[in-house]
């Protein structure tokens, strides 16, 4: 099981695009703030230590998906569009990267399946299912205190 956890940690760092990582960080940050407070993309980028251009693009994607809300104007900014307790991590992943990584062969073999498995099919299946279940079951609220701790070290 320890080997699966190490492999799982490795794969999670390569499963998602940089855009998705930034999206997860930005939304986790917004979840730590007072409900109703607005933050512009510069403020979010400064807090999560990511380039403003990327943060801005990702926040626009998340706004279009309904996870993040925005208010235009001089005093505008971004905010969570719904309570942190109702936003599952998988929603953020799906909005930015999609979930096909959980549905296809990790090595890209077109006919990979239980009948014709690729070399890592059984190991990847366990990791894939574990990662998907975590993303599907955990909400932003579940990670609020850990996010506070992480942001304090940035």
C-alpha atoms as a PDB file:
ATOM      1  CA  UNK A   1       0.000   0.000   0.000  1.00  0.00           C
ATOM      2  CA  UNK A   2       2.930   2.346   0.722  1.00  0.00           C
ATOM      3  CA  UNK A   3       4.139   1.916  -2.877  1.00  0.00           C
ATOM      4  CA  UNK A   4       0.686   2.786  -4.205  1.00  0.00           C
ATOM      5  CA  UNK A   5       0.633   5.967  -2.081  1.00  0.00           C
ATOM      6  CA  UNK A   6       4.037   7.030  -3.453  1.00  0.00           C
ATOM      7  CA  UNK A   7       2.896   6.341  -7.000  1.00  0.00           C
ATOM      8  CA  UNK A   8      -0.382   8.105  -6.292  1.00  0.00           C
ATOM      9  CA  UNK A   9       1.449  11.220  -5.058  1.00  0.00           C
ATOM     10  CA  UNK A  10       3.616  11.202  -8.176  1.00  0.00           C
ATOM     11  CA  UNK A  11       0.707  10.739 -10.556  1.00  0.00           C
ATOM     12  CA  UNK A  12      -1.362  13.473  -8.902  1.00  0.00           C
ATOM     13  CA  UNK A  13       1.437  15.926  -9.682  1.00  0.00           C
ATOM     14  CA  UNK A  14       1.402  14.957 -13.357  1.00  0.00           C
ATOM     15  CA  UNK A  15      -2.309  14.228 -13.811  1.00  0.00           C
ATOM     16  CA  UNK A  16      -3.467  17.808 -13.816  1.00  0.00           C
ATOM     17  CA  UNK A  17      -2.367  20.648 -16.031  1.00  0.00           C
ATOM     18  CA  UNK A  18      -0.621  23.645 -14.515  1.00  0.00           C
ATOM     19  CA  UNK A  19      -3.833  25.557 -15.239  1.00  0.00           C
ATOM     20  CA  UNK A  20      -5.780  23.082 -13.102  1.00  0.00           C
ATOM     21  CA  UNK A  21      -3.263  23.267 -10.270  1.00  0.00           C
ATOM     22  CA  UNK A  22      -3.568  27.058 -10.271  1.00  0.00           C
ATOM     23  CA  UNK A  23      -7.358  26.768 -10.337  1.00  0.00           C
ATOM     24  CA  UNK A  24      -7.368  24.459  -7.343  1.00  0.00           C
ATOM     25  CA  UNK A  25      -5.020  26.789  -5.453  1.00  0.00           C
ATOM     26  CA  UNK A  26      -7.046  29.898  -6.305  1.00  0.00           C
ATOM     27  CA  UNK A  27     -10.370  28.381  -5.321  1.00  0.00           C
ATOM     28  CA  UNK A  28      -8.933  26.912  -2.126  1.00  0.00           C
ATOM     29  CA  UNK A  29      -7.630  30.387  -1.289  1.00  0.00           C
ATOM     30  CA  UNK A  30     -11.024  31.996  -1.958  1.00  0.00           C
ATOM     31  CA  UNK A  31     -12.596  29.396   0.329  1.00  0.00           C
ATOM     32  CA  UNK A  32     -10.490  30.633   3.250  1.00  0.00           C
ATOM     33  CA  UNK A  33     -11.741  34.198   2.955  1.00  0.00           C
ATOM     34  CA  UNK A  34     -14.865  35.803   4.362  1.00  0.00           C
ATOM     35  CA  UNK A  35     -17.951  34.993   2.306  1.00  0.00           C
ATOM     36  CA  UNK A  36     -18.856  37.936   0.101  1.00  0.00           C
ATOM     37  CA  UNK A  37     -15.372  39.488   0.044  1.00  0.00           C
ATOM     38  CA  UNK A  38     -14.021  40.259  -3.425  1.00  0.00           C
ATOM     39  CA  UNK A  39     -10.463  39.685  -4.625  1.00  0.00           C
ATOM     40  CA  UNK A  40      -8.983  40.784  -7.928  1.00  0.00           C
ATOM     41  CA  UNK A  41      -6.729  38.444  -9.894  1.00  0.00           C
ATOM     42  CA  UNK A  42      -3.613  40.279  -8.701  1.00  0.00           C
ATOM     43  CA  UNK A  43      -4.551  39.705  -5.055  1.00  0.00           C
ATOM     44  CA  UNK A  44      -5.238  36.019  -5.691  1.00  0.00           C
ATOM     45  CA  UNK A  45      -2.004  35.592  -7.658  1.00  0.00           C
ATOM     46  CA  UNK A  46       0.010  37.246  -4.897  1.00  0.00           C
ATOM     47  CA  UNK A  47      -1.535  34.993  -2.259  1.00  0.00           C
ATOM     48  CA  UNK A  48      -1.001  31.714  -4.125  1.00  0.00           C
ATOM     49  CA  UNK A  49       2.347  32.803  -5.622  1.00  0.00           C
ATOM     50  CA  UNK A  50       1.329  32.176  -9.229  1.00  0.00           C
ATOM     51  CA  UNK A  51       1.593  34.464 -12.278  1.00  0.00           C
ATOM     52  CA  UNK A  52      -1.288  36.955 -12.508  1.00  0.00           C
ATOM     53  CA  UNK A  53      -1.898  36.219 -16.197  1.00  0.00           C
ATOM     54  CA  UNK A  54      -2.504  32.522 -15.491  1.00  0.00           C
ATOM     55  CA  UNK A  55      -4.605  33.182 -12.404  1.00  0.00           C
ATOM     56  CA  UNK A  56      -6.759  35.634 -14.347  1.00  0.00           C
ATOM     57  CA  UNK A  57      -7.393  33.144 -17.177  1.00  0.00           C
ATOM     58  CA  UNK A  58      -8.201  30.345 -14.756  1.00  0.00           C
ATOM     59  CA  UNK A  59     -10.579  32.518 -12.739  1.00  0.00           C
ATOM     60  CA  UNK A  60     -12.413  33.370 -15.970  1.00  0.00           C
ATOM     61  CA  UNK A  61     -12.817  29.645 -16.735  1.00  0.00           C
ATOM     62  CA  UNK A  62     -14.073  29.005 -13.218  1.00  0.00           C
ATOM     63  CA  UNK A  63     -16.461  31.946 -13.500  1.00  0.00           C
ATOM     64  CA  UNK A  64     -17.898  30.525 -16.725  1.00  0.00           C
ATOM     65  CA  UNK A  65     -18.396  27.181 -14.971  1.00  0.00           C
ATOM     66  CA  UNK A  66     -20.281  28.776 -12.059  1.00  0.00           C
ATOM     67  CA  UNK A  67     -17.762  27.853  -9.356  1.00  0.00           C
ATOM     68  CA  UNK A  68     -16.451  31.405  -9.030  1.00  0.00           C
ATOM     69  CA  UNK A  69     -18.462  34.577  -9.349  1.00  0.00           C
ATOM     70  CA  UNK A  70     -17.215  37.949 -10.467  1.00  0.00           C
ATOM     71  CA  UNK A  71     -18.219  41.550 -10.125  1.00  0.00           C
ATOM     72  CA  UNK A  72     -16.970  44.057 -12.662  1.00  0.00           C
ATOM     73  CA  UNK A  73     -15.890  47.586 -11.959  1.00  0.00           C
ATOM     74  CA  UNK A  74     -13.474  49.537  -9.811  1.00  0.00           C
ATOM     75  CA  UNK A  75     -14.433  47.690  -6.649  1.00  0.00           C
ATOM     76  CA  UNK A  76     -15.016  44.379  -8.405  1.00  0.00           C
ATOM     77  CA  UNK A  77     -13.312  41.065  -8.063  1.00  0.00           C
ATOM     78  CA  UNK A  78     -13.788  37.328  -7.728  1.00  0.00           C
ATOM     79  CA  UNK A  79     -15.550  35.303  -5.048  1.00  0.00           C
ATOM     80  CA  UNK A  80     -16.894  31.793  -4.548  1.00  0.00           C
ATOM     81  CA  UNK A  81     -20.240  31.565  -6.311  1.00  0.00           C
ATOM     82  CA  UNK A  82     -21.587  29.055  -3.798  1.00  0.00           C
ATOM     83  CA  UNK A  83     -20.676  27.869  -0.293  1.00  0.00           C
ATOM     84  CA  UNK A  84     -17.305  26.104   0.069  1.00  0.00           C
ATOM     85  CA  UNK A  85     -19.103  23.157   1.662  1.00  0.00           C
ATOM     86  CA  UNK A  86     -20.931  22.477  -1.603  1.00  0.00           C
ATOM     87  CA  UNK A  87     -18.016  22.735  -4.041  1.00  0.00           C
ATOM     88  CA  UNK A  88     -16.334  19.389  -4.656  1.00  0.00           C
ATOM     89  CA  UNK A  89     -12.742  19.322  -5.876  1.00  0.00           C
ATOM     90  CA  UNK A  90     -13.788  17.251  -8.900  1.00  0.00           C
ATOM     91  CA  UNK A  91     -15.885  20.212 -10.110  1.00  0.00           C
ATOM     92  CA  UNK A  92     -12.763  22.345 -10.410  1.00  0.00           C
ATOM     93  CA  UNK A  93     -10.825  19.600 -12.168  1.00  0.00           C
ATOM     94  CA  UNK A  94     -13.715  18.965 -14.544  1.00  0.00           C
ATOM     95  CA  UNK A  95     -14.127  22.670 -15.354  1.00  0.00           C
ATOM     96  CA  UNK A  96     -10.473  23.086 -16.284  1.00  0.00           C
ATOM     97  CA  UNK A  97      -9.037  19.741 -17.410  1.00  0.00           C
ATOM     98  CA  UNK A  98     -12.079  17.529 -17.773  1.00  0.00           C
ATOM     99  CA  UNK A  99     -12.222  14.066 -16.250  1.00  0.00           C
ATOM    100  CA  UNK A 100     -11.086  11.935 -19.169  1.00  0.00           C
ATOM    101  CA  UNK A 101      -7.874  11.097 -17.296  1.00  0.00           C
ATOM    102  CA  UNK A 102     -10.046   8.963 -15.023  1.00  0.00           C
ATOM    103  CA  UNK A 103     -11.671   7.199 -17.954  1.00  0.00           C
ATOM    104  CA  UNK A 104      -8.806   6.279 -20.263  1.00  0.00           C
ATOM    105  CA  UNK A 105      -5.583   4.327 -20.153  1.00  0.00           C
ATOM    106  CA  UNK A 106      -2.821   6.215 -18.377  1.00  0.00           C
ATOM    107  CA  UNK A 107      -0.360   4.982 -21.022  1.00  0.00           C
ATOM    108  CA  UNK A 108      -2.670   5.864 -23.886  1.00  0.00           C
ATOM    109  CA  UNK A 109      -3.366   2.351 -25.194  1.00  0.00           C
ATOM    110  CA  UNK A 110      -6.700   2.540 -27.047  1.00  0.00           C
ATOM    111  CA  UNK A 111      -7.989  -0.957 -26.170  1.00  0.00           C
ATOM    112  CA  UNK A 112      -6.829  -1.066 -22.565  1.00  0.00           C
ATOM    113  CA  UNK A 113      -9.345  -2.683 -20.236  1.00  0.00           C
ATOM    114  CA  UNK A 114      -9.851  -5.683 -18.024  1.00  0.00           C
ATOM    115  CA  UNK A 115      -9.919  -7.996 -21.068  1.00  0.00           C
ATOM    116  CA  UNK A 116      -6.735  -6.506 -22.602  1.00  0.00           C
ATOM    117  CA  UNK A 117      -4.863  -4.677 -19.821  1.00  0.00           C
ATOM    118  CA  UNK A 118      -1.796  -2.518 -20.369  1.00  0.00           C
ATOM    119  CA  UNK A 119       1.286  -3.143 -18.179  1.00  0.00           C
ATOM    120  CA  UNK A 120       0.103  -0.779 -15.422  1.00  0.00           C
ATOM    121  CA  UNK A 121      -3.662  -1.345 -15.742  1.00  0.00           C
ATOM    122  CA  UNK A 122      -4.290  -2.959 -12.362  1.00  0.00           C
ATOM    123  CA  UNK A 123      -2.047  -0.560 -10.422  1.00  0.00           C
ATOM    124  CA  UNK A 124      -3.364   2.508 -12.232  1.00  0.00           C
ATOM    125  CA  UNK A 125      -6.955   1.389 -11.710  1.00  0.00           C
ATOM    126  CA  UNK A 126      -6.508   1.430  -7.930  1.00  0.00           C
ATOM    127  CA  UNK A 127      -4.780   4.816  -7.971  1.00  0.00           C
ATOM    128  CA  UNK A 128      -7.273   6.289 -10.436  1.00  0.00           C
ATOM    129  CA  UNK A 129     -10.230   5.147  -8.354  1.00  0.00           C
ATOM    130  CA  UNK A 130      -8.662   6.417  -5.129  1.00  0.00           C
ATOM    131  CA  UNK A 131      -7.890   9.821  -6.650  1.00  0.00           C
ATOM    132  CA  UNK A 132     -11.323  10.137  -8.263  1.00  0.00           C
ATOM    133  CA  UNK A 133     -13.117   9.182  -5.046  1.00  0.00           C
ATOM    134  CA  UNK A 134     -11.117  11.719  -3.034  1.00  0.00           C
ATOM    135  CA  UNK A 135     -11.872  14.495  -5.529  1.00  0.00           C
ATOM    136  CA  UNK A 136     -15.527  13.457  -5.706  1.00  0.00           C
ATOM    137  CA  UNK A 137     -16.045  13.271  -1.943  1.00  0.00           C
ATOM    138  CA  UNK A 138     -13.975  16.189  -0.631  1.00  0.00           C
ATOM    139  CA  UNK A 139     -15.190  19.786  -0.637  1.00  0.00           C
ATOM    140  CA  UNK A 140     -13.320  23.052  -0.336  1.00  0.00           C
ATOM    141  CA  UNK A 141     -14.572  23.268   3.241  1.00  0.00           C
ATOM    142  CA  UNK A 142     -12.826  19.982   4.070  1.00  0.00           C
ATOM    143  CA  UNK A 143      -9.468  21.565   3.242  1.00  0.00           C
ATOM    144  CA  UNK A 144     -10.005  25.017   4.734  1.00  0.00           C
ATOM    145  CA  UNK A 145      -7.704  24.662   7.760  1.00  0.00           C
ATOM    146  CA  UNK A 146      -4.986  22.918   5.731  1.00  0.00           C
ATOM    147  CA  UNK A 147      -5.207  25.710   3.164  1.00  0.00           C
ATOM    148  CA  UNK A 148      -4.803  28.336   5.907  1.00  0.00           C
ATOM    149  CA  UNK A 149      -1.689  26.493   7.088  1.00  0.00           C
ATOM    150  CA  UNK A 150      -0.251  26.192   3.580  1.00  0.00           C
ATOM    151  CA  UNK A 151      -0.876  29.822   2.672  1.00  0.00           C
ATOM    152  CA  UNK A 152       0.859  30.865   5.885  1.00  0.00           C
ATOM    153  CA  UNK A 153       4.049  29.204   4.665  1.00  0.00           C
ATOM    154  CA  UNK A 154       4.057  30.851   1.218  1.00  0.00           C
END
